[in-house]
């Protein structure tokens, strides 16, 4: 199944609209991501796009609000970190997702949508 079809399937599965994510934009991913993903949950939230920023923050384990704890990478490079994430990147702005060992969920959150977190 193509990545595009996986993205649309995830959106349908959780009853969410899809909003394309420009592969040439950046996202923020936690610096600990590569070391921690096998032992920790993966979470992401999509805020508003601005300039070259896709709106996505993605982390493994405990979330921090310290921007210094994140690396800025191109969306197109996300598979170098995890091949689980790409299918979630078309979730609409205001959406968060979580990937746990035996659980996956995505949902719309008005706090994210309104930039209040």
N, C-alpha and C. Protein backbone atom coordinates (compact mmCIF):
# COMPACT_ATOMS: atom_id res chain seq x y z
N UNK A 1 0.86 -1.18 0.00
CA UNK A 1 0.00 0.00 0.00
C UNK A 1 0.90 1.24 0.00
N UNK A 2 0.58 2.21 -0.84
CA UNK A 2 1.39 3.42 -0.91
C UNK A 2 1.25 4.25 0.38
N UNK A 3 2.23 5.10 0.61
CA UNK A 3 2.19 5.98 1.78
C UNK A 3 0.95 6.86 1.73
N UNK A 4 0.62 7.38 0.57
CA UNK A 4 -0.56 8.22 0.41
C UNK A 4 -1.81 7.47 0.86
N UNK A 5 -1.96 6.22 0.44
CA UNK A 5 -3.13 5.43 0.84
C UNK A 5 -3.12 5.12 2.33
N UNK A 6 -1.93 4.89 2.90
CA UNK A 6 -1.82 4.66 4.35
C UNK A 6 -2.25 5.91 5.12
N UNK A 7 -1.85 7.08 4.61
CA UNK A 7 -2.20 8.34 5.28
C UNK A 7 -3.71 8.55 5.26
N UNK A 8 -4.33 8.32 4.13
CA UNK A 8 -5.79 8.48 4.03
C UNK A 8 -6.51 7.45 4.89
N UNK A 9 -5.99 6.23 4.94
CA UNK A 9 -6.59 5.17 5.75
C UNK A 9 -6.56 5.53 7.24
N UNK A 10 -5.44 6.06 7.72
CA UNK A 10 -5.32 6.49 9.13
C UNK A 10 -6.35 7.58 9.42
N UNK A 11 -6.48 8.55 8.53
CA UNK A 11 -7.45 9.63 8.74
C UNK A 11 -8.87 9.08 8.81
N UNK A 12 -9.22 8.18 7.90
CA UNK A 12 -10.56 7.57 7.91
C UNK A 12 -10.78 6.74 9.17
N UNK A 13 -9.76 5.96 9.56
CA UNK A 13 -9.89 5.09 10.72
C UNK A 13 -10.29 5.86 11.97
N UNK A 14 -9.73 7.07 12.13
CA UNK A 14 -10.00 7.85 13.34
C UNK A 14 -11.02 8.96 13.10
N UNK A 15 -11.65 8.96 11.92
CA UNK A 15 -12.70 9.94 11.63
C UNK A 15 -12.19 11.37 11.54
N UNK A 16 -10.97 11.52 11.04
CA UNK A 16 -10.35 12.85 10.96
C UNK A 16 -10.16 13.25 9.50
N UNK A 17 -10.14 14.55 9.28
CA UNK A 17 -9.86 15.07 7.94
C UNK A 17 -8.38 14.94 7.66
N UNK A 18 -8.05 14.82 6.39
CA UNK A 18 -6.64 14.80 6.06
C UNK A 18 -6.23 16.16 5.50
N UNK A 19 -5.02 16.52 5.83
CA UNK A 19 -4.45 17.80 5.42
C UNK A 19 -3.02 17.51 4.99
N UNK A 20 -2.74 17.60 3.69
CA UNK A 20 -1.40 17.26 3.22
C UNK A 20 -0.30 17.99 3.99
N UNK A 21 0.81 17.30 4.15
CA UNK A 21 1.98 17.83 4.84
C UNK A 21 3.09 17.95 3.79
N UNK A 22 3.58 19.15 3.59
CA UNK A 22 4.62 19.41 2.60
C UNK A 22 5.92 18.73 3.02
N UNK A 23 6.42 17.84 2.19
CA UNK A 23 7.63 17.07 2.50
C UNK A 23 8.88 17.94 2.55
N UNK A 24 8.82 19.14 1.98
CA UNK A 24 9.97 20.05 1.97
C UNK A 24 10.00 20.98 3.18
N UNK A 25 9.02 20.83 4.07
CA UNK A 25 9.00 21.64 5.29
C UNK A 25 9.69 20.87 6.42
N UNK A 26 9.84 21.54 7.53
CA UNK A 26 10.51 20.94 8.69
C UNK A 26 9.51 20.51 9.75
N UNK A 27 9.95 19.58 10.58
CA UNK A 27 9.21 19.23 11.79
C UNK A 27 10.24 19.18 12.91
N UNK A 28 9.75 19.15 14.13
CA UNK A 28 10.62 19.03 15.29
C UNK A 28 10.44 17.65 15.89
N UNK A 29 11.57 16.99 16.15
CA UNK A 29 11.56 15.64 16.71
C UNK A 29 12.51 15.61 17.91
N UNK A 30 12.10 14.93 18.98
CA UNK A 30 12.90 14.93 20.20
C UNK A 30 14.30 14.36 19.94
N UNK A 31 15.28 14.98 20.56
CA UNK A 31 16.68 14.56 20.39
C UNK A 31 16.89 13.12 20.83
N UNK A 32 16.11 12.63 21.77
CA UNK A 32 16.27 11.27 22.27
C UNK A 32 15.55 10.23 21.41
N UNK A 33 14.96 10.65 20.33
CA UNK A 33 14.05 9.79 19.58
C UNK A 33 14.68 8.48 19.12
N UNK A 34 15.82 8.54 18.47
CA UNK A 34 16.42 7.32 17.91
C UNK A 34 16.79 6.31 18.98
N UNK A 35 17.24 6.79 20.14
CA UNK A 35 17.64 5.86 21.19
C UNK A 35 16.44 5.28 21.94
N UNK A 36 15.33 5.99 21.99
CA UNK A 36 14.24 5.65 22.90
C UNK A 36 13.03 4.98 22.26
N UNK A 37 12.88 5.00 20.98
CA UNK A 37 11.62 4.58 20.38
C UNK A 37 11.23 3.13 20.65
N UNK A 38 12.18 2.25 20.80
CA UNK A 38 11.80 0.85 21.02
C UNK A 38 11.26 0.62 22.42
N UNK A 39 11.65 1.46 23.36
CA UNK A 39 11.21 1.27 24.74
C UNK A 39 10.14 2.25 25.17
N UNK A 40 9.89 3.30 24.39
CA UNK A 40 8.96 4.35 24.81
C UNK A 40 7.85 4.55 23.79
N UNK A 41 6.78 5.16 24.25
CA UNK A 41 5.69 5.54 23.36
C UNK A 41 6.15 6.66 22.45
N UNK A 42 5.54 6.75 21.26
CA UNK A 42 5.79 7.83 20.33
C UNK A 42 4.53 8.68 20.29
N UNK A 43 4.71 10.00 20.39
CA UNK A 43 3.58 10.92 20.30
C UNK A 43 3.90 12.04 19.33
N UNK A 44 2.86 12.62 18.79
CA UNK A 44 3.01 13.76 17.90
C UNK A 44 1.80 14.67 17.99
N UNK A 45 2.05 15.95 17.74
CA UNK A 45 0.96 16.93 17.68
C UNK A 45 1.22 17.86 16.52
N UNK A 46 0.14 18.19 15.82
CA UNK A 46 0.27 19.09 14.67
C UNK A 46 -0.38 20.43 14.99
N UNK A 47 0.49 21.42 15.11
CA UNK A 47 0.05 22.79 15.32
C UNK A 47 -0.07 23.48 13.97
N UNK A 48 -0.16 24.77 13.96
CA UNK A 48 -0.32 25.54 12.73
C UNK A 48 0.99 25.58 11.94
N UNK A 49 0.88 25.49 10.62
CA UNK A 49 2.04 25.64 9.74
C UNK A 49 2.46 27.09 9.71
N UNK A 50 3.76 27.32 9.73
CA UNK A 50 4.28 28.68 9.60
C UNK A 50 5.55 28.63 8.78
N UNK A 51 5.62 29.44 7.75
CA UNK A 51 6.79 29.52 6.88
C UNK A 51 7.25 28.13 6.46
N UNK A 52 8.45 27.70 6.89
CA UNK A 52 8.98 26.40 6.49
C UNK A 52 8.72 25.30 7.53
N UNK A 53 7.85 25.56 8.51
CA UNK A 53 7.52 24.61 9.57
C UNK A 53 6.20 23.94 9.28
N UNK A 54 6.19 22.61 9.32
CA UNK A 54 4.99 21.82 9.00
C UNK A 54 3.93 21.86 10.09
N UNK A 55 4.33 22.26 11.30
CA UNK A 55 3.40 22.25 12.43
C UNK A 55 3.60 21.06 13.34
N UNK A 56 4.37 20.06 12.92
CA UNK A 56 4.52 18.81 13.68
C UNK A 56 5.64 18.87 14.71
N UNK A 57 5.30 18.41 15.92
CA UNK A 57 6.26 18.10 16.98
C UNK A 57 6.08 16.62 17.28
N UNK A 58 7.17 15.87 17.29
CA UNK A 58 7.11 14.42 17.53
C UNK A 58 8.16 14.08 18.58
N UNK A 59 7.78 13.22 19.53
CA UNK A 59 8.72 12.86 20.59
C UNK A 59 8.50 11.43 21.04
N UNK A 60 9.53 10.91 21.72
CA UNK A 60 9.46 9.60 22.34
C UNK A 60 9.57 9.81 23.84
N UNK A 61 8.71 9.13 24.58
CA UNK A 61 8.74 9.27 26.03
C UNK A 61 8.07 10.55 26.51
N UNK A 62 8.61 11.11 27.56
CA UNK A 62 8.05 12.30 28.22
C UNK A 62 8.16 13.53 27.33
N UNK A 63 7.08 14.28 27.18
CA UNK A 63 7.10 15.51 26.39
C UNK A 63 7.73 16.64 27.20
N UNK A 64 8.46 17.47 26.49
CA UNK A 64 9.02 18.66 27.10
C UNK A 64 8.63 19.86 26.24
N UNK A 65 8.50 21.01 26.83
CA UNK A 65 8.21 22.22 26.08
C UNK A 65 9.47 23.01 25.74
N UNK A 66 10.64 22.45 26.06
CA UNK A 66 11.91 23.10 25.79
C UNK A 66 12.33 22.82 24.34
N UNK A 67 12.31 23.83 23.50
CA UNK A 67 12.64 23.67 22.07
C UNK A 67 14.05 23.13 21.89
N UNK A 68 14.92 23.34 22.85
CA UNK A 68 16.29 22.83 22.78
C UNK A 68 16.33 21.30 22.85
N UNK A 69 15.24 20.68 23.27
CA UNK A 69 15.17 19.21 23.37
C UNK A 69 14.75 18.57 22.04
N UNK A 70 14.58 19.38 21.00
CA UNK A 70 14.13 18.90 19.71
C UNK A 70 15.15 19.24 18.62
N UNK A 71 15.22 18.34 17.62
CA UNK A 71 15.99 18.60 16.41
C UNK A 71 15.02 19.00 15.31
N UNK A 72 15.45 19.88 14.45
CA UNK A 72 14.66 20.31 13.31
C UNK A 72 15.10 19.48 12.10
N UNK A 73 14.16 18.71 11.53
CA UNK A 73 14.49 17.86 10.38
C UNK A 73 13.45 18.07 9.27
N UNK A 74 13.82 17.74 8.06
CA UNK A 74 12.85 17.78 6.97
C UNK A 74 11.82 16.67 7.15
N UNK A 75 10.59 16.96 6.82
CA UNK A 75 9.53 15.95 6.87
C UNK A 75 9.95 14.74 6.04
N UNK A 76 10.56 14.97 4.89
CA UNK A 76 10.96 13.88 4.00
C UNK A 76 12.01 12.95 4.63
N UNK A 77 12.66 13.37 5.71
CA UNK A 77 13.68 12.55 6.37
C UNK A 77 13.13 11.75 7.55
N UNK A 78 11.84 11.78 7.80
CA UNK A 78 11.28 11.15 8.99
C UNK A 78 11.52 9.64 9.03
N UNK A 79 11.57 8.97 7.89
CA UNK A 79 11.78 7.52 7.88
C UNK A 79 13.16 7.12 8.39
N UNK A 80 14.11 8.07 8.43
CA UNK A 80 15.42 7.78 9.02
C UNK A 80 15.30 7.59 10.54
N UNK A 81 14.23 8.10 11.11
CA UNK A 81 13.98 8.00 12.55
C UNK A 81 13.03 6.86 12.87
N UNK A 82 11.98 6.73 12.08
CA UNK A 82 10.99 5.67 12.29
C UNK A 82 10.10 5.57 11.07
N UNK A 83 9.83 4.34 10.65
CA UNK A 83 8.92 4.15 9.52
C UNK A 83 7.46 4.07 9.96
N UNK A 84 7.21 4.27 11.25
CA UNK A 84 5.84 4.25 11.78
C UNK A 84 5.13 5.59 11.63
N UNK A 85 5.86 6.66 11.47
CA UNK A 85 5.30 8.00 11.62
C UNK A 85 4.71 8.57 10.34
N UNK A 86 5.31 8.31 9.19
CA UNK A 86 4.91 8.95 7.94
C UNK A 86 3.39 8.87 7.70
N UNK A 87 2.78 7.73 8.04
CA UNK A 87 1.35 7.57 7.75
C UNK A 87 0.47 8.48 8.60
N UNK A 88 1.02 9.10 9.65
CA UNK A 88 0.24 10.00 10.51
C UNK A 88 0.38 11.47 10.09
N UNK A 89 1.29 11.79 9.20
CA UNK A 89 1.62 13.19 8.94
C UNK A 89 0.60 13.95 8.11
N UNK A 90 -0.43 13.26 7.63
CA UNK A 90 -1.50 13.98 6.92
C UNK A 90 -2.70 14.24 7.84
N UNK A 91 -2.59 13.89 9.09
CA UNK A 91 -3.67 14.24 10.02
C UNK A 91 -3.80 15.76 10.07
N UNK A 92 -5.01 16.22 10.19
CA UNK A 92 -5.28 17.66 10.15
C UNK A 92 -4.66 18.41 11.33
N UNK A 93 -4.46 19.70 11.12
CA UNK A 93 -3.97 20.58 12.19
C UNK A 93 -4.92 20.48 13.38
N UNK A 94 -4.34 20.38 14.57
CA UNK A 94 -5.15 20.24 15.77
C UNK A 94 -5.25 18.80 16.23
N UNK A 95 -4.54 17.92 15.56
CA UNK A 95 -4.60 16.50 15.86
C UNK A 95 -3.34 16.05 16.59
N UNK A 96 -3.52 15.09 17.47
CA UNK A 96 -2.40 14.43 18.13
C UNK A 96 -2.52 12.94 17.90
N UNK A 97 -1.39 12.24 17.94
CA UNK A 97 -1.41 10.79 17.83
C UNK A 97 -0.49 10.19 18.88
N UNK A 98 -0.74 8.93 19.20
CA UNK A 98 0.11 8.18 20.11
C UNK A 98 0.26 6.76 19.55
N UNK A 99 1.49 6.27 19.61
CA UNK A 99 1.79 4.90 19.21
C UNK A 99 2.43 4.23 20.41
N UNK A 100 1.73 3.25 20.95
CA UNK A 100 2.26 2.45 22.06
C UNK A 100 2.45 1.04 21.55
N UNK A 101 2.99 0.19 22.38
CA UNK A 101 3.28 -1.18 21.97
C UNK A 101 2.07 -1.88 21.34
N UNK A 102 0.93 -1.85 22.01
CA UNK A 102 -0.26 -2.54 21.52
C UNK A 102 -1.44 -1.60 21.31
N UNK A 103 -1.15 -0.32 21.10
CA UNK A 103 -2.23 0.68 21.03
C UNK A 103 -1.82 1.82 20.12
N UNK A 104 -2.73 2.22 19.26
CA UNK A 104 -2.53 3.40 18.40
C UNK A 104 -3.80 4.21 18.45
N UNK A 105 -3.65 5.53 18.59
CA UNK A 105 -4.82 6.40 18.59
C UNK A 105 -4.44 7.75 17.98
N UNK A 106 -5.43 8.38 17.40
CA UNK A 106 -5.29 9.75 16.90
C UNK A 106 -6.61 10.44 17.17
N UNK A 107 -6.54 11.70 17.58
CA UNK A 107 -7.76 12.43 17.86
C UNK A 107 -7.54 13.93 17.73
N UNK A 108 -8.64 14.60 17.42
CA UNK A 108 -8.62 16.05 17.31
C UNK A 108 -8.69 16.64 18.71
N UNK A 109 -7.94 17.70 18.95
CA UNK A 109 -7.89 18.34 20.26
C UNK A 109 -7.96 19.85 20.05
N UNK A 110 -9.05 20.47 20.48
CA UNK A 110 -9.21 21.91 20.28
C UNK A 110 -8.13 22.72 20.97
N UNK A 111 -7.51 22.19 22.03
CA UNK A 111 -6.40 22.92 22.68
C UNK A 111 -5.23 23.05 21.73
N UNK A 112 -4.96 22.00 20.96
CA UNK A 112 -3.90 22.07 19.96
C UNK A 112 -4.32 23.02 18.85
N UNK A 113 -5.53 22.85 18.36
CA UNK A 113 -6.03 23.67 17.26
C UNK A 113 -5.94 25.15 17.58
N UNK A 114 -6.25 25.50 18.80
CA UNK A 114 -6.23 26.91 19.21
C UNK A 114 -4.89 27.33 19.78
N UNK A 115 -3.88 26.45 19.67
CA UNK A 115 -2.52 26.75 20.11
C UNK A 115 -2.40 26.88 21.62
N UNK A 116 -3.33 26.27 22.37
CA UNK A 116 -3.27 26.27 23.82
C UNK A 116 -2.93 24.86 24.24
N UNK A 117 -1.79 24.67 24.85
CA UNK A 117 -1.38 23.33 25.23
C UNK A 117 -0.79 23.34 26.61
